[in-house]
Amino acid sequence: MDVLYFAWVRERIGLPREQVETSASTVADLVEELRAREDRYAAAFADLSALRVALDQELSEFDAPLAGVREVAFFPPMTGG
């Protein structure tokens, strides 16, 4: 699946996107797999309360299933003004 990173998440990881092969069943499981990769991923996903996730461009939750999902995007909360 494609995994996209935006704003400071992208800065910490050093990539805007990547293809990930995963056996994760939920977003939270995917996050755990990513955290285990390297320190830069652990830093980016250290505080999930500071992150939002979208599955196939639909805002979602970290306990959402990944079955059938083609794209996961991680980004900080947005504020309007």
PDB file of N, CA and C in Angstrom:
ATOM      1  N   MET A   1       0.840  -1.174   0.000  1.00  0.00           N
ATOM      2  CA  MET A   1       0.000   0.000   0.000  1.00  0.00           C
ATOM      3  C   MET A   1       0.886   1.238   0.000  1.00  0.00           C
ATOM      4  N   ASP A   2       0.339   2.345  -0.462  1.00  0.00           N
ATOM      5  CA  ASP A   2       1.059   3.617  -0.415  1.00  0.00           C
ATOM      6  C   ASP A   2       0.849   4.238   0.961  1.00  0.00           C
ATOM      7  N   VAL A   3       1.941   4.714   1.558  1.00  0.00           N
ATOM      8  CA  VAL A   3       1.860   5.436   2.819  1.00  0.00           C
ATOM      9  C   VAL A   3       2.424   6.830   2.565  1.00  0.00           C
ATOM     10  N   LEU A   4       1.619   7.846   2.879  1.00  0.00           N
ATOM     11  CA  LEU A   4       1.991   9.239   2.639  1.00  0.00           C
ATOM     12  C   LEU A   4       2.205   9.941   3.970  1.00  0.00           C
ATOM     13  N   TYR A   5       3.188  10.843   3.986  1.00  0.00           N
ATOM     14  CA  TYR A   5       3.516  11.603   5.188  1.00  0.00           C
ATOM     15  C   TYR A   5       3.472  13.091   4.845  1.00  0.00           C
ATOM     16  N   PHE A   6       2.845  13.880   5.718  1.00  0.00           N
ATOM     17  CA  PHE A   6       2.709  15.306   5.478  1.00  0.00           C
ATOM     18  C   PHE A   6       3.263  16.126   6.641  1.00  0.00           C
ATOM     19  N   ALA A   7       3.671  17.360   6.324  1.00  0.00           N
ATOM     20  CA  ALA A   7       4.134  18.352   7.299  1.00  0.00           C
ATOM     21  C   ALA A   7       5.303  17.814   8.123  1.00  0.00           C
ATOM     22  N   TRP A   8       5.263  17.978   9.445  1.00  0.00           N
ATOM     23  CA  TRP A   8       6.414  17.569  10.268  1.00  0.00           C
ATOM     24  C   TRP A   8       6.597  16.053  10.300  1.00  0.00           C
ATOM     25  N   VAL A   9       5.563  15.290   9.986  1.00  0.00           N
ATOM     26  CA  VAL A   9       5.714  13.834   9.905  1.00  0.00           C
ATOM     27  C   VAL A   9       6.689  13.510   8.766  1.00  0.00           C
ATOM     28  N   ARG A  10       6.489  14.144   7.624  1.00  0.00           N
ATOM     29  CA  ARG A  10       7.386  13.971   6.475  1.00  0.00           C
ATOM     30  C   ARG A  10       8.801  14.430   6.827  1.00  0.00           C
ATOM     31  N   GLU A  11       8.912  15.540   7.529  1.00  0.00           N
ATOM     32  CA  GLU A  11      10.235  16.050   7.904  1.00  0.00           C
ATOM     33  C   GLU A  11      10.974  15.074   8.810  1.00  0.00           C
ATOM     34  N   ARG A  12      10.300  14.489   9.774  1.00  0.00           N
ATOM     35  CA  ARG A  12      10.956  13.552  10.693  1.00  0.00           C
ATOM     36  C   ARG A  12      11.357  12.254  10.008  1.00  0.00           C
ATOM     37  N   ILE A  13      10.504  11.771   9.117  1.00  0.00           N
ATOM     38  CA  ILE A  13      10.790  10.507   8.439  1.00  0.00           C
ATOM     39  C   ILE A  13      11.743  10.717   7.261  1.00  0.00           C
ATOM     40  N   GLY A  14      11.637  11.869   6.622  1.00  0.00           N
ATOM     41  CA  GLY A  14      12.521  12.168   5.500  1.00  0.00           C
ATOM     42  C   GLY A  14      12.004  11.709   4.150  1.00  0.00           C
ATOM     43  N   LEU A  15      10.746  11.300   4.095  1.00  0.00           N
ATOM     44  CA  LEU A  15      10.123  10.839   2.849  1.00  0.00           C
ATOM     45  C   LEU A  15       8.721  11.410   2.740  1.00  0.00           C
ATOM     46  N   PRO A  16       8.288  11.769   1.521  1.00  0.00           N
ATOM     47  CA  PRO A  16       6.901  12.195   1.356  1.00  0.00           C
ATOM     48  C   PRO A  16       5.936  11.020   1.227  1.00  0.00           C
ATOM     49  N   ARG A  17       6.449   9.880   0.696  1.00  0.00           N
ATOM     50  CA  ARG A  17       5.600   8.694   0.508  1.00  0.00           C
ATOM     51  C   ARG A  17       6.489   7.487   0.314  1.00  0.00           C
ATOM     52  N   GLU A  18       5.903   6.312   0.539  1.00  0.00           N
ATOM     53  CA  GLU A  18       6.616   5.063   0.273  1.00  0.00           C
ATOM     54  C   GLU A  18       5.618   3.935   0.090  1.00  0.00           C
ATOM     55  N   GLN A  19       6.053   2.893  -0.577  1.00  0.00           N
ATOM     56  CA  GLN A  19       5.273   1.665  -0.719  1.00  0.00           C
ATOM     57  C   GLN A  19       5.624   0.774   0.462  1.00  0.00           C
ATOM     58  N   VAL A  20       4.625   0.278   1.163  1.00  0.00           N
ATOM     59  CA  VAL A  20       4.853  -0.549   2.348  1.00  0.00           C
ATOM     60  C   VAL A  20       4.135  -1.884   2.179  1.00  0.00           C
ATOM     61  N   GLU A  21       4.884  -2.950   2.368  1.00  0.00           N
ATOM     62  CA  GLU A  21       4.296  -4.285   2.454  1.00  0.00           C
ATOM     63  C   GLU A  21       4.030  -4.536   3.925  1.00  0.00           C
ATOM     64  N   THR A  22       2.805  -4.863   4.270  1.00  0.00           N
ATOM     65  CA  THR A  22       2.457  -5.001   5.684  1.00  0.00           C
ATOM     66  C   THR A  22       1.499  -6.160   5.916  1.00  0.00           C
ATOM     67  N   SER A  23       1.597  -6.711   7.102  1.00  0.00           N
ATOM     68  CA  SER A  23       0.623  -7.717   7.534  1.00  0.00           C
ATOM     69  C   SER A  23      -0.300  -7.121   8.591  1.00  0.00           C
ATOM     70  N   ALA A  24      -0.202  -5.807   8.796  1.00  0.00           N
ATOM     71  CA  ALA A  24      -1.008  -5.114   9.800  1.00  0.00           C
ATOM     72  C   ALA A  24      -2.495  -5.220   9.460  1.00  0.00           C
ATOM     73  N   SER A  25      -3.308  -5.419  10.496  1.00  0.00           N
ATOM     74  CA  SER A  25      -4.747  -5.485  10.267  1.00  0.00           C
ATOM     75  C   SER A  25      -5.449  -4.161  10.554  1.00  0.00           C
ATOM     76  N   THR A  26      -4.800  -3.280  11.351  1.00  0.00           N
ATOM     77  CA  THR A  26      -5.366  -1.962  11.650  1.00  0.00           C
ATOM     78  C   THR A  26      -4.293  -0.891  11.446  1.00  0.00           C
ATOM     79  N   VAL A  27      -4.720   0.355  11.438  1.00  0.00           N
ATOM     80  CA  VAL A  27      -3.777   1.464  11.338  1.00  0.00           C
ATOM     81  C   VAL A  27      -2.802   1.417  12.513  1.00  0.00           C
ATOM     82  N   ALA A  28      -3.294   1.146  13.714  1.00  0.00           N
ATOM     83  CA  ALA A  28      -2.421   1.083  14.888  1.00  0.00           C
ATOM     84  C   ALA A  28      -1.347   0.006  14.728  1.00  0.00           C
ATOM     85  N   ASP A  29      -1.713  -1.122  14.140  1.00  0.00           N
ATOM     86  CA  ASP A  29      -0.734  -2.184  13.883  1.00  0.00           C
ATOM     87  C   ASP A  29       0.324  -1.706  12.883  1.00  0.00           C
ATOM     88  N   LEU A  30      -0.110  -0.986  11.864  1.00  0.00           N
ATOM     89  CA  LEU A  30       0.821  -0.433  10.884  1.00  0.00           C
ATOM     90  C   LEU A  30       1.781   0.535  11.561  1.00  0.00           C
ATOM     91  N   VAL A  31       1.257   1.386  12.420  1.00  0.00           N
ATOM     92  CA  VAL A  31       2.098   2.339  13.144  1.00  0.00           C
ATOM     93  C   VAL A  31       3.159   1.597  13.958  1.00  0.00           C
ATOM     94  N   GLU A  32       2.774   0.515  14.612  1.00  0.00           N
ATOM     95  CA  GLU A  32       3.747  -0.267  15.394  1.00  0.00           C
ATOM     96  C   GLU A  32       4.831  -0.850  14.493  1.00  0.00           C
ATOM     97  N   GLU A  33       4.452  -1.345  13.323  1.00  0.00           N
ATOM     98  CA  GLU A  33       5.448  -1.857  12.373  1.00  0.00           C
ATOM     99  C   GLU A  33       6.400  -0.748  11.937  1.00  0.00           C
ATOM    100  N   LEU A  34       5.862   0.435  11.644  1.00  0.00           N
ATOM    101  CA  LEU A  34       6.691   1.553  11.215  1.00  0.00           C
ATOM    102  C   LEU A  34       7.614   2.018  12.338  1.00  0.00           C
ATOM    103  N   ARG A  35       7.080   2.125  13.555  1.00  0.00           N
ATOM    104  CA  ARG A  35       7.900   2.537  14.706  1.00  0.00           C
ATOM    105  C   ARG A  35       9.114   1.633  14.889  1.00  0.00           C
ATOM    106  N   ALA A  36       8.929   0.342  14.637  1.00  0.00           N
ATOM    107  CA  ALA A  36       9.998  -0.633  14.849  1.00  0.00           C
ATOM    108  C   ALA A  36      11.088  -0.553  13.779  1.00  0.00           C
ATOM    109  N   ARG A  37      10.840   0.132  12.689  1.00  0.00           N
ATOM    110  CA  ARG A  37      11.810   0.214  11.595  1.00  0.00           C
ATOM    111  C   ARG A  37      13.093   0.935  11.993  1.00  0.00           C
ATOM    112  N   GLU A  38      12.945   2.177  12.425  1.00  0.00           N
ATOM    113  CA  GLU A  38      14.094   3.043  12.711  1.00  0.00           C
ATOM    114  C   GLU A  38      13.667   4.117  13.702  1.00  0.00           C
ATOM    115  N   ASP A  39      14.664   4.789  14.272  1.00  0.00           N
ATOM    116  CA  ASP A  39      14.394   5.862  15.226  1.00  0.00           C
ATOM    117  C   ASP A  39      13.587   6.999  14.620  1.00  0.00           C
ATOM    118  N   ARG A  40      13.815   7.296  13.342  1.00  0.00           N
ATOM    119  CA  ARG A  40      13.075   8.418  12.729  1.00  0.00           C
ATOM    120  C   ARG A  40      11.584   8.129  12.666  1.00  0.00           C
ATOM    121  N   TYR A  41      11.203   6.877  12.445  1.00  0.00           N
ATOM    122  CA  TYR A  41       9.784   6.503  12.463  1.00  0.00           C
ATOM    123  C   TYR A  41       9.256   6.541  13.895  1.00  0.00           C
ATOM    124  N   ALA A  42      10.055   6.047  14.832  1.00  0.00           N
ATOM    125  CA  ALA A  42       9.643   6.081  16.244  1.00  0.00           C
ATOM    126  C   ALA A  42       9.393   7.519  16.682  1.00  0.00           C
ATOM    127  N   ALA A  43      10.240   8.442  16.237  1.00  0.00           N
ATOM    128  CA  ALA A  43      10.065   9.861  16.589  1.00  0.00           C
ATOM    129  C   ALA A  43       8.799  10.433  15.960  1.00  0.00           C
ATOM    130  N   ALA A  44       8.548  10.086  14.716  1.00  0.00           N
ATOM    131  CA  ALA A  44       7.376  10.620  14.014  1.00  0.00           C
ATOM    132  C   ALA A  44       6.067  10.124  14.616  1.00  0.00           C
ATOM    133  N   PHE A  45       6.085   8.879  15.118  1.00  0.00           N
ATOM    134  CA  PHE A  45       4.857   8.281  15.655  1.00  0.00           C
ATOM    135  C   PHE A  45       4.872   8.169  17.178  1.00  0.00           C
ATOM    136  N   ALA A  46       5.686   8.992  17.840  1.00  0.00           N
ATOM    137  CA  ALA A  46       5.804   8.924  19.296  1.00  0.00           C
ATOM    138  C   ALA A  46       4.512   9.326  20.012  1.00  0.00           C
ATOM    139  N   ASP A  47       3.790  10.287  19.466  1.00  0.00           N
ATOM    140  CA  ASP A  47       2.579  10.799  20.114  1.00  0.00           C
ATOM    141  C   ASP A  47       1.421  10.770  19.124  1.00  0.00           C
ATOM    142  N   LEU A  48       0.655   9.693  19.152  1.00  0.00           N
ATOM    143  CA  LEU A  48      -0.440   9.555  18.189  1.00  0.00           C
ATOM    144  C   LEU A  48      -1.542  10.588  18.393  1.00  0.00           C
ATOM    145  N   SER A  49      -1.632  11.179  19.578  1.00  0.00           N
ATOM    146  CA  SER A  49      -2.642  12.215  19.790  1.00  0.00           C
ATOM    147  C   SER A  49      -2.335  13.462  18.962  1.00  0.00           C
ATOM    148  N   ALA A  50      -1.101  13.566  18.469  1.00  0.00           N
ATOM    149  CA  ALA A  50      -0.696  14.710  17.643  1.00  0.00           C
ATOM    150  C   ALA A  50      -0.811  14.397  16.157  1.00  0.00           C
ATOM    151  N   LEU A  51      -1.419  13.258  15.822  1.00  0.00           N
ATOM    152  CA  LEU A  51      -1.534  12.843  14.428  1.00  0.00           C
ATOM    153  C   LEU A  51      -2.970  12.533  14.036  1.00  0.00           C
ATOM    154  N   ARG A  52      -3.229  12.675  12.762  1.00  0.00           N
ATOM    155  CA  ARG A  52      -4.485  12.241  12.164  1.00  0.00           C
ATOM    156  C   ARG A  52      -4.124  11.260  11.053  1.00  0.00           C
ATOM    157  N   VAL A  53      -5.104  10.465  10.659  1.00  0.00           N
ATOM    158  CA  VAL A  53      -4.880   9.487   9.596  1.00  0.00           C
ATOM    159  C   VAL A  53      -6.067   9.494   8.638  1.00  0.00           C
ATOM    160  N   ALA A  54      -5.755   9.301   7.366  1.00  0.00           N
ATOM    161  CA  ALA A  54      -6.792   9.161   6.348  1.00  0.00           C
ATOM    162  C   ALA A  54      -6.532   7.869   5.588  1.00  0.00           C
ATOM    163  N   LEU A  55      -7.598   7.123   5.338  1.00  0.00           N
ATOM    164  CA  LEU A  55      -7.535   5.890   4.562  1.00  0.00           C
ATOM    165  C   LEU A  55      -8.245   6.132   3.241  1.00  0.00           C
ATOM    166  N   ASP A  56      -7.515   5.983   2.146  1.00  0.00           N
ATOM    167  CA  ASP A  56      -8.067   6.271   0.817  1.00  0.00           C
ATOM    168  C   ASP A  56      -8.758   7.627   0.792  1.00  0.00           C
ATOM    169  N   GLN A  57      -8.099   8.614   1.397  1.00  0.00           N
ATOM    170  CA  GLN A  57      -8.517  10.020   1.428  1.00  0.00           C
ATOM    171  C   GLN A  57      -9.771  10.286   2.249  1.00  0.00           C
ATOM    172  N   GLU A  58     -10.079   9.378   3.172  1.00  0.00           N
ATOM    173  CA  GLU A  58     -11.197   9.577   4.104  1.00  0.00           C
ATOM    174  C   GLU A  58     -10.636   9.611   5.512  1.00  0.00           C
ATOM    175  N   LEU A  59     -10.931  10.670   6.268  1.00  0.00           N
ATOM    176  CA  LEU A  59     -10.463  10.773   7.644  1.00  0.00           C
ATOM    177  C   LEU A  59     -10.900   9.545   8.425  1.00  0.00           C
ATOM    178  N   SER A  60      -9.993   8.982   9.207  1.00  0.00           N
ATOM    179  CA  SER A  60     -10.281   7.731   9.894  1.00  0.00           C
ATOM    180  C   SER A  60      -9.686   7.740  11.301  1.00  0.00           C
ATOM    181  N   GLU A  61      -9.746   6.592  11.951  1.00  0.00           N
ATOM    182  CA  GLU A  61      -9.224   6.418  13.302  1.00  0.00           C
ATOM    183  C   GLU A  61      -8.103   5.380  13.277  1.00  0.00           C
ATOM    184  N   PHE A  62      -7.297   5.363  14.325  1.00  0.00           N
ATOM    185  CA  PHE A  62      -6.167   4.435  14.387  1.00  0.00           C
ATOM    186  C   PHE A  62      -6.596   2.985  14.611  1.00  0.00           C
ATOM    187  N   ASP A  63      -7.821   2.761  15.040  1.00  0.00           N
ATOM    188  CA  ASP A  63      -8.288   1.382  15.199  1.00  0.00           C
ATOM    189  C   ASP A  63      -9.018   0.859  13.949  1.00  0.00           C
ATOM    190  N   ALA A  64      -9.013   1.650  12.876  1.00  0.00           N
ATOM    191  CA  ALA A  64      -9.698   1.262  11.640  1.00  0.00           C
ATOM    192  C   ALA A  64      -8.969   0.105  10.951  1.00  0.00           C
ATOM    193  N   PRO A  65      -9.731  -0.807  10.347  1.00  0.00           N
ATOM    194  CA  PRO A  65      -9.114  -1.926   9.625  1.00  0.00           C
ATOM    195  C   PRO A  65      -8.463  -1.463   8.323  1.00  0.00           C
ATOM    196  N   LEU A  66      -7.420  -2.175   7.910  1.00  0.00           N
ATOM    197  CA  LEU A  66      -6.707  -1.845   6.674  1.00  0.00           C
ATOM    198  C   LEU A  66      -7.110  -2.710   5.484  1.00  0.00           C
ATOM    199  N   ALA A  67      -7.996  -3.666   5.689  1.00  0.00           N
ATOM    200  CA  ALA A  67      -8.406  -4.561   4.604  1.00  0.00           C
ATOM    201  C   ALA A  67      -8.940  -3.747   3.417  1.00  0.00           C
ATOM    202  N   GLY A  68      -8.347  -3.959   2.257  1.00  0.00           N
ATOM    203  CA  GLY A  68      -8.792  -3.279   1.047  1.00  0.00           C
ATOM    204  C   GLY A  68      -8.288  -1.854   0.879  1.00  0.00           C
ATOM    205  N   VAL A  69      -7.577  -1.324   1.843  1.00  0.00           N
ATOM    206  CA  VAL A  69      -7.084   0.058   1.773  1.00  0.00           C
ATOM    207  C   VAL A  69      -5.875   0.120   0.840  1.00  0.00           C
ATOM    208  N   ARG A  70      -5.871   1.117  -0.033  1.00  0.00           N
ATOM    209  CA  ARG A  70      -4.751   1.306  -0.969  1.00  0.00           C
ATOM    210  C   ARG A  70      -3.799   2.406  -0.524  1.00  0.00           C
ATOM    211  N   GLU A  71      -4.314   3.383   0.249  1.00  0.00           N
ATOM    212  CA  GLU A  71      -3.496   4.535   0.628  1.00  0.00           C
ATOM    213  C   GLU A  71      -3.769   4.933   2.076  1.00  0.00           C
ATOM    214  N   VAL A  72      -2.681   5.118   2.830  1.00  0.00           N
ATOM    215  CA  VAL A  72      -2.764   5.597   4.207  1.00  0.00           C
ATOM    216  C   VAL A  72      -1.961   6.894   4.268  1.00  0.00           C
ATOM    217  N   ALA A  73      -2.555   7.938   4.818  1.00  0.00           N
ATOM    218  CA  ALA A  73      -1.863   9.220   4.943  1.00  0.00           C
ATOM    219  C   ALA A  73      -1.838   9.644   6.405  1.00  0.00           C
ATOM    220  N   PHE A  74      -0.661  10.073   6.855  1.00  0.00           N
ATOM    221  CA  PHE A  74      -0.484  10.572   8.227  1.00  0.00           C
ATOM    222  C   PHE A  74      -0.156  12.053   8.164  1.00  0.00           C
ATOM    223  N   PHE A  75      -0.804  12.833   9.038  1.00  0.00           N
ATOM    224  CA  PHE A  75      -0.609  14.276   9.030  1.00  0.00           C
ATOM    225  C   PHE A  75      -1.002  14.857  10.378  1.00  0.00           C
ATOM    226  N   PRO A  76      -0.477  16.038  10.712  1.00  0.00           N
ATOM    227  CA  PRO A  76      -0.891  16.697  11.964  1.00  0.00           C
ATOM    228  C   PRO A  76      -2.300  17.277  11.808  1.00  0.00           C
ATOM    229  N   PRO A  77      -2.970  17.535  12.925  1.00  0.00           N
ATOM    230  CA  PRO A  77      -4.304  18.156  12.843  1.00  0.00           C
ATOM    231  C   PRO A  77      -4.230  19.494  12.123  1.00  0.00           C
ATOM    232  N   MET A  78      -5.253  19.788  11.366  1.00  0.00           N
ATOM    233  CA  MET A  78      -5.315  21.055  10.639  1.00  0.00           C
ATOM    234  C   MET A  78      -6.248  22.016  11.370  1.00  0.00           C
ATOM    235  N   THR A  79      -5.910  23.274  11.312  1.00  0.00           N
ATOM    236  CA  THR A  79      -6.810  24.284  11.865  1.00  0.00           C
ATOM    237  C   THR A  79      -7.171  25.258  10.756  1.00  0.00           C
ATOM    238  N   GLY A  80      -8.369  25.741  10.811  1.00  0.00           N
ATOM    239  CA  GLY A  80      -8.816  26.699   9.810  1.00  0.00           C
ATOM    240  C   GLY A  80      -8.806  28.089  10.397  1.00  0.00           C
ATOM    241  N   GLY A  81      -8.941  29.061   9.539  1.00  0.00           N
ATOM    242  CA  GLY A  81      -8.946  30.404  10.081  1.00  0.00           C
ATOM    243  C   GLY A  81      -9.284  31.446   9.088  1.00  0.00           C
TER     244      GLY A  81
END
